[in-house]
């Protein structure tokens, strides 16, 4: 799906990361020093931030949203749409977005949506908000994207534990004078490549699904923990991430070198650098922050933007006139956005 939505702006972006830190080097006693060093070299992840036991994705998104509403001096009555993107919602029912509407003190006239999506979720969320505004239904939409993926991971699963962190984000999308281009795709035939196999209604939780099992690589998990087929996901990202960016550049009639910032989903350093090499995009134009945060699911794109391009760091926002965002992950799903962030207020990550 490709489309162009006019009269739309991304006004501001804020992110929140929890204060608890897991240093990967401390896992040497569990996984072995050589193994830990090998994984760290491949992923680029040296530490991640982890949510407290009772802290949820919505809690982190709430903190980012509350900060943004206060900092931007936004009248809460102006917000008429709220989109919450996460795979770690507060409850099976009701929708977390509706809970956040009340918690943030937004108008009861606010339309609320939950989107169950992972690493491509920010792309889907911005598209949903833009569609609401483009249709004339809303004027200002709050997009909240975050996950506590670490709560889905078995502590004995080296493959996942050394990659994922937690974070939340808040983005204000409003009616304006800009435009955004979108390219979004899905392939459900590959749904089992990134999955929590049990705990839903297809395979309910049971004593059997809670049993730990060891895979061929020595990773230990239950059927209620996150599983990812790393090789298949790598091949998927290289194929579809590359194609999506090229498709969107052609659709927008942009030259690759005219884009000064590529906000890429932070999967692993090896994956991202390989993708950039295939696209012939410099690492300077597509920076990583995996070292300190790891893969934070739907938060990675806003987190790389706020970490690198925030006002406090003195970043020159004039270079953000042409930005490409690209996300890919569970579903399998993927997509890209072409936008202008020159006039977007970008704040450094909160803790």
Protein backbone atom coordinates (compact mmCIF):
# COMPACT_ATOMS: atom_id res chain seq x y z
CA UNK A 1 0.00 0.00 0.00
CA UNK A 2 1.34 3.42 -0.99
CA UNK A 3 -0.30 6.75 -0.30
CA UNK A 4 0.38 10.43 0.23
CA UNK A 5 -1.48 12.32 2.96
CA UNK A 6 -1.49 16.12 2.77
CA UNK A 7 -2.05 18.86 5.35
CA UNK A 8 -0.38 16.89 8.13
CA UNK A 9 2.47 17.62 10.55
CA UNK A 10 4.39 15.79 13.25
CA UNK A 11 4.46 18.53 15.89
CA UNK A 12 6.56 16.95 18.64
CA UNK A 13 8.16 13.70 19.85
CA UNK A 14 9.17 12.54 23.33
CA UNK A 15 10.38 9.19 24.65
CA UNK A 16 10.73 7.57 28.06
CA UNK A 17 13.14 4.83 29.14
CA UNK A 18 13.02 3.12 32.55
CA UNK A 19 15.86 3.72 35.00
CA UNK A 20 16.79 0.07 35.65
CA UNK A 21 19.81 -0.98 33.59
CA UNK A 22 20.95 -4.47 32.57
CA UNK A 23 24.62 -4.56 31.58
CA UNK A 24 25.20 -7.42 29.16
CA UNK A 25 28.64 -8.05 30.60
CA UNK A 26 26.99 -9.19 33.86
CA UNK A 27 25.48 -12.18 32.03
CA UNK A 28 28.86 -13.86 31.59
CA UNK A 29 28.29 -16.12 34.60
CA UNK A 30 25.03 -17.33 33.04
CA UNK A 31 25.97 -17.64 29.37
CA UNK A 32 29.76 -17.66 29.41
CA UNK A 33 32.11 -14.75 28.73
CA UNK A 34 33.04 -15.81 25.19
CA UNK A 35 29.39 -16.27 24.22
CA UNK A 36 28.35 -12.91 25.70
CA UNK A 37 31.18 -11.08 23.93
CA UNK A 38 30.29 -12.74 20.62
CA UNK A 39 26.62 -11.73 20.91
CA UNK A 40 27.48 -8.18 21.98
CA UNK A 41 29.75 -7.78 18.95
CA UNK A 42 27.01 -8.94 16.57
CA UNK A 43 24.10 -7.04 18.11
CA UNK A 44 25.93 -3.90 19.21
CA UNK A 45 23.94 -4.04 22.46
CA UNK A 46 25.99 -3.40 25.62
CA UNK A 47 23.13 -2.52 27.96
CA UNK A 48 19.35 -2.14 27.97
CA UNK A 49 16.83 -0.35 30.15
CA UNK A 50 14.28 -2.62 31.80
CA UNK A 51 10.86 -1.76 33.20
CA UNK A 52 10.20 -2.46 36.86
CA UNK A 53 8.05 -5.48 37.70
CA UNK A 54 4.85 -3.43 37.97
CA UNK A 55 5.71 -0.88 35.26
CA UNK A 56 3.81 -1.36 32.00
CA UNK A 57 4.24 -0.08 28.46
CA UNK A 58 1.31 2.28 29.02
CA UNK A 59 3.03 3.69 32.12
CA UNK A 60 6.08 4.63 30.08
CA UNK A 61 3.97 6.07 27.26
CA UNK A 62 1.98 8.03 29.84
CA UNK A 63 5.16 9.65 31.18
CA UNK A 64 6.25 10.64 27.67
CA UNK A 65 2.76 11.96 26.84
CA UNK A 66 2.39 13.91 30.09
CA UNK A 67 5.77 15.57 29.50
CA UNK A 68 4.86 16.42 25.91
CA UNK A 69 1.48 17.91 26.77
CA UNK A 70 3.03 20.10 29.46
CA UNK A 71 6.12 21.10 27.50
CA UNK A 72 4.13 21.97 24.38
CA UNK A 73 1.46 23.73 26.47
CA UNK A 74 -1.27 21.80 24.70
CA UNK A 75 -4.86 22.22 25.83
CA UNK A 76 -6.02 18.66 26.45
CA UNK A 77 -9.35 19.49 24.83
CA UNK A 78 -7.43 19.88 21.55
CA UNK A 79 -6.56 16.18 21.48
CA UNK A 80 -9.38 14.35 19.69
CA UNK A 81 -7.60 11.09 18.84
CA UNK A 82 -5.35 8.64 20.70
CA UNK A 83 -3.54 5.66 19.18
CA UNK A 84 -1.72 3.20 21.44
CA UNK A 85 0.68 0.73 19.80
CA UNK A 86 2.00 -2.18 21.83
CA UNK A 87 2.12 -5.94 22.14
CA UNK A 88 2.26 -5.70 25.92
CA UNK A 89 -1.09 -4.07 26.68
CA UNK A 90 -2.38 -3.62 30.23
CA UNK A 91 -5.25 -6.10 29.82
CA UNK A 92 -6.84 -8.40 27.26
CA UNK A 93 -9.84 -6.13 27.72
CA UNK A 94 -10.48 -3.21 27.82
CA UNK A 95 -8.32 -1.38 25.28
CA UNK A 96 -5.34 0.37 26.89
CA UNK A 97 -5.87 3.48 24.73
CA UNK A 98 -9.18 4.14 26.48
CA UNK A 99 -7.54 3.80 29.90
CA UNK A 100 -4.87 6.29 28.82
CA UNK A 101 -7.54 8.74 27.62
CA UNK A 102 -8.85 8.96 31.16
CA UNK A 103 -5.44 8.84 32.85
CA UNK A 104 -4.20 11.75 30.73
CA UNK A 105 -7.37 13.74 31.35
CA UNK A 106 -8.34 13.94 27.68
CA UNK A 107 -11.81 14.78 26.46
CA UNK A 108 -14.45 12.05 26.37
CA UNK A 109 -14.89 13.06 22.72
CA UNK A 110 -11.49 11.45 22.02
CA UNK A 111 -11.55 8.48 19.63
CA UNK A 112 -9.19 5.73 20.85
CA UNK A 113 -7.49 2.84 19.08
CA UNK A 114 -5.21 0.02 20.19
CA UNK A 115 -2.85 -1.44 17.57
CA UNK A 116 -1.20 -4.75 18.45
CA UNK A 117 2.07 -4.41 16.59
CA UNK A 118 5.76 -4.65 17.35
CA UNK A 119 8.79 -3.27 15.55
CA UNK A 120 6.78 -1.82 12.63
CA UNK A 121 4.21 -0.42 15.05
CA UNK A 122 5.33 3.21 14.99
CA UNK A 123 4.86 3.27 11.21
CA UNK A 124 1.36 1.84 11.57
CA UNK A 125 0.52 4.25 14.40
CA UNK A 126 1.60 7.37 12.52
CA UNK A 127 -0.36 6.15 9.50
CA UNK A 128 -3.49 5.63 11.62
CA UNK A 129 -3.18 9.11 13.13
CA UNK A 130 -2.55 10.69 9.72
CA UNK A 131 -5.55 8.88 8.25
CA UNK A 132 -7.79 10.19 11.04
CA UNK A 133 -6.63 13.72 10.36
CA UNK A 134 -6.64 13.36 6.58
CA UNK A 135 -10.25 12.16 6.66
CA UNK A 136 -11.28 15.26 8.62
CA UNK A 137 -12.33 13.22 11.67
CA UNK A 138 -9.56 14.57 13.92
CA UNK A 139 -7.38 17.65 14.20
CA UNK A 140 -4.74 16.52 16.70
CA UNK A 141 -3.85 12.90 17.51
CA UNK A 142 -1.60 11.56 20.26
CA UNK A 143 0.37 8.50 19.15
CA UNK A 144 1.77 6.38 21.99
CA UNK A 145 4.09 3.50 21.10
CA UNK A 146 5.90 1.29 23.57
CA UNK A 147 6.58 -2.22 24.79
CA UNK A 148 7.90 -4.11 27.79
CA UNK A 149 9.29 -6.88 25.63
CA UNK A 150 11.64 -8.01 28.39
CA UNK A 151 8.61 -9.33 30.28
CA UNK A 152 8.00 -11.79 27.41
CA UNK A 153 11.56 -13.15 27.47
CA UNK A 154 12.80 -16.12 29.46
CA UNK A 155 15.85 -15.02 31.51
CA UNK A 156 17.67 -18.15 30.29
CA UNK A 157 17.11 -17.31 26.62
CA UNK A 158 20.41 -15.80 25.50
CA UNK A 159 19.18 -15.09 21.97
CA UNK A 160 16.43 -12.72 23.10
CA UNK A 161 17.64 -11.48 26.47
CA UNK A 162 20.75 -9.86 25.00
CA UNK A 163 18.81 -7.90 22.35
CA UNK A 164 15.59 -6.43 23.76
CA UNK A 165 14.97 -3.47 26.07
CA UNK A 166 11.91 -1.49 27.16
CA UNK A 167 10.75 2.04 26.29
CA UNK A 168 7.71 4.21 25.59
CA UNK A 169 7.07 7.19 23.33
CA UNK A 170 4.61 9.98 22.59
CA UNK A 171 4.13 11.82 19.29
CA UNK A 172 1.71 14.61 18.43
CA UNK A 173 0.36 14.52 14.87
CA UNK A 174 -1.83 17.42 13.79
CA UNK A 175 -3.49 19.13 10.87
CA UNK A 176 -0.98 21.43 9.16
CA UNK A 177 0.71 22.36 5.92
CA UNK A 178 3.00 19.37 5.45
CA UNK A 179 2.62 16.00 3.81
CA UNK A 180 3.71 12.43 4.51
CA UNK A 181 4.24 9.53 2.16
CA UNK A 182 3.60 5.96 3.30
CA UNK A 183 4.50 2.48 2.12
CA UNK A 184 3.09 -0.28 4.34
CA UNK A 185 2.97 -4.06 3.84
CA UNK A 186 2.08 -7.30 5.65
CA UNK A 187 2.77 -11.01 5.20
CA UNK A 188 0.86 -13.24 7.59
CA UNK A 189 2.27 -16.42 6.01
CA UNK A 190 5.41 -15.72 8.08
CA UNK A 191 3.57 -15.05 11.34
CA UNK A 192 5.39 -17.85 13.17
CA UNK A 193 8.83 -16.31 12.69
CA UNK A 194 8.34 -13.90 15.61
CA UNK A 195 5.74 -15.21 18.02
CA UNK A 196 4.66 -15.91 21.57
CA UNK A 197 3.11 -19.31 20.75
CA UNK A 198 0.88 -19.76 23.80
CA UNK A 199 -1.15 -17.70 26.23
CA UNK A 200 -3.75 -16.44 23.76
CA UNK A 201 -7.03 -18.04 22.75
CA UNK A 202 -5.55 -20.21 19.96
CA UNK A 203 -3.27 -21.98 22.45
CA UNK A 204 -4.41 -21.11 25.98
CA UNK A 205 -2.02 -21.06 28.90
CA UNK A 206 -1.61 -24.44 30.60
CA UNK A 207 0.85 -26.40 32.70
CA UNK A 208 2.31 -27.77 29.46
CA UNK A 209 2.86 -24.34 27.87
CA UNK A 210 4.66 -23.20 31.03
CA UNK A 211 7.30 -25.94 30.80
CA UNK A 212 10.81 -24.80 29.89
CA UNK A 213 12.41 -26.38 26.83
CA UNK A 214 15.92 -26.09 25.41
CA UNK A 215 16.45 -25.48 21.69
CA UNK A 216 19.36 -26.67 19.53
CA UNK A 217 21.39 -23.56 20.40
CA UNK A 218 20.95 -23.98 24.13
CA UNK A 219 18.35 -21.23 24.55
CA UNK A 220 15.74 -22.00 27.19
CA UNK A 221 12.15 -20.78 26.94
CA UNK A 222 8.53 -21.82 27.40
CA UNK A 223 5.75 -21.57 24.83
CA UNK A 224 4.61 -18.43 26.67
CA UNK A 225 7.92 -16.67 26.00
CA UNK A 226 8.91 -14.73 22.90
CA UNK A 227 10.43 -16.80 20.09
CA UNK A 228 12.22 -15.36 17.06
CA UNK A 229 13.68 -17.21 14.09
CA UNK A 230 16.76 -15.00 13.77
CA UNK A 231 17.94 -16.12 10.32
CA UNK A 232 14.48 -15.82 8.75
CA UNK A 233 13.93 -12.40 10.30
CA UNK A 234 17.35 -11.19 9.11
CA UNK A 235 16.57 -12.28 5.53
CA UNK A 236 13.13 -10.68 5.76
CA UNK A 237 14.56 -7.32 6.91
CA UNK A 238 17.24 -7.23 4.24
CA UNK A 239 14.76 -8.06 1.49
CA UNK A 240 11.73 -6.01 2.47
CA UNK A 241 13.37 -3.15 4.38
CA UNK A 242 15.53 -2.37 1.37
CA UNK A 243 12.63 -2.65 -1.08
CA UNK A 244 10.32 -0.50 1.06
CA UNK A 245 12.75 2.40 1.23
CA UNK A 246 13.43 2.26 -2.50
CA UNK A 247 9.70 2.05 -3.25
CA UNK A 248 8.95 5.09 -1.10
CA UNK A 249 11.82 7.14 -2.53
CA UNK A 250 10.51 6.47 -6.04
CA UNK A 251 6.94 7.26 -4.98
CA UNK A 252 8.02 10.60 -3.47
CA UNK A 253 10.39 11.37 -6.39
CA UNK A 254 13.20 11.77 -3.84
CA UNK A 255 16.81 10.93 -4.48
CA UNK A 256 18.41 8.67 -1.89
CA UNK A 257 21.19 11.18 -1.20
CA UNK A 258 18.69 14.03 -0.68
CA UNK A 259 17.55 12.34 2.54
CA UNK A 260 19.72 13.52 5.43
CA UNK A 261 18.30 11.29 8.16
CA UNK A 262 17.11 7.69 8.05
CA UNK A 263 15.33 6.71 11.27
CA UNK A 264 15.65 2.94 11.05
CA UNK A 265 14.23 0.30 13.34
CA UNK A 266 17.05 -0.77 15.64
CA UNK A 267 17.08 -4.57 15.21
CA UNK A 268 20.76 -5.46 15.63
CA UNK A 269 23.91 -3.65 14.56
CA UNK A 270 24.87 -6.42 12.13
CA UNK A 271 21.42 -6.41 10.50
CA UNK A 272 21.21 -2.64 10.26
CA UNK A 273 24.73 -2.16 8.89
CA UNK A 274 24.19 -4.92 6.33
CA UNK A 275 20.96 -3.27 5.20
CA UNK A 276 22.67 0.13 4.91
CA UNK A 277 25.46 -1.43 2.88
CA UNK A 278 22.93 -2.90 0.45
CA UNK A 279 21.18 0.46 0.18
CA UNK A 280 24.50 2.36 -0.05
CA UNK A 281 23.46 4.68 2.78
CA UNK A 282 26.13 6.02 5.13
CA UNK A 283 26.07 5.14 8.83
CA UNK A 284 26.15 8.88 9.57
CA UNK A 285 22.76 9.31 7.90
CA UNK A 286 21.31 6.27 9.67
CA UNK A 287 22.80 6.22 13.18
CA UNK A 288 22.27 3.51 15.77
CA UNK A 289 21.74 3.67 19.53
CA UNK A 290 21.59 -0.07 20.15
CA UNK A 291 24.58 0.20 22.48
CA UNK A 292 22.55 1.77 25.29
CA UNK A 293 18.96 0.71 24.57
CA UNK A 294 18.85 -2.44 22.46
CA UNK A 295 15.75 -3.26 20.42
CA UNK A 296 12.78 -1.51 22.08
CA UNK A 297 10.14 -2.71 19.60
CA UNK A 298 7.74 0.02 18.40
CA UNK A 299 9.76 2.63 20.32
CA UNK A 300 13.01 2.27 18.38
CA UNK A 301 12.19 4.82 15.67
CA UNK A 302 11.06 7.65 17.96
CA UNK A 303 13.89 6.74 20.36
CA UNK A 304 16.62 7.07 17.71
CA UNK A 305 15.08 10.42 16.67
CA UNK A 306 14.91 11.80 20.21
CA UNK A 307 18.32 10.40 21.15
CA UNK A 308 20.15 11.93 18.18
CA UNK A 309 18.05 14.90 17.03
CA UNK A 310 16.87 16.45 20.30
CA UNK A 311 16.91 20.21 20.85
CA UNK A 312 19.04 19.95 23.98
CA UNK A 313 21.97 18.44 22.05
CA UNK A 314 22.03 21.39 19.66
CA UNK A 315 21.16 19.22 16.66
CA UNK A 316 20.66 21.25 13.47
CA UNK A 317 17.02 20.54 12.62
CA UNK A 318 17.37 22.17 9.19
CA UNK A 319 18.80 18.84 7.99
CA UNK A 320 15.50 17.11 8.78
CA UNK A 321 13.59 18.48 5.80
CA UNK A 322 13.62 15.04 4.21
CA UNK A 323 13.43 12.09 6.62
CA UNK A 324 12.75 8.42 5.99
CA UNK A 325 11.49 6.22 8.83
CA UNK A 326 11.50 2.46 8.32
CA UNK A 327 10.23 -0.33 10.59
CA UNK A 328 9.93 -4.08 10.16
CA UNK A 329 9.05 -6.98 12.42
CA UNK A 330 6.42 -9.24 13.95
CA UNK A 331 3.50 -10.17 11.73
CA UNK A 332 5.48 -10.16 9.59
CA UNK A 333 4.89 -6.50 8.79
CA UNK A 334 6.93 -3.60 7.51
CA UNK A 335 6.70 -0.07 6.21
CA UNK A 336 8.30 3.31 5.65
CA UNK A 337 7.33 6.97 6.04
CA UNK A 338 8.68 9.99 4.17
CA UNK A 339 8.26 13.22 6.11
CA UNK A 340 9.65 16.62 7.11
CA UNK A 341 10.73 17.03 10.74
CA UNK A 342 12.35 20.46 10.39
CA UNK A 343 9.76 22.13 12.58
CA UNK A 344 9.14 19.20 14.92
CA UNK A 345 9.98 19.74 18.58
CA UNK A 346 12.17 16.80 19.54
CA UNK A 347 13.09 16.20 23.19
CA UNK A 348 15.86 14.06 24.62
CA UNK A 349 14.78 10.73 26.19
CA UNK A 350 13.29 10.94 29.67
CA UNK A 351 14.16 8.66 32.57
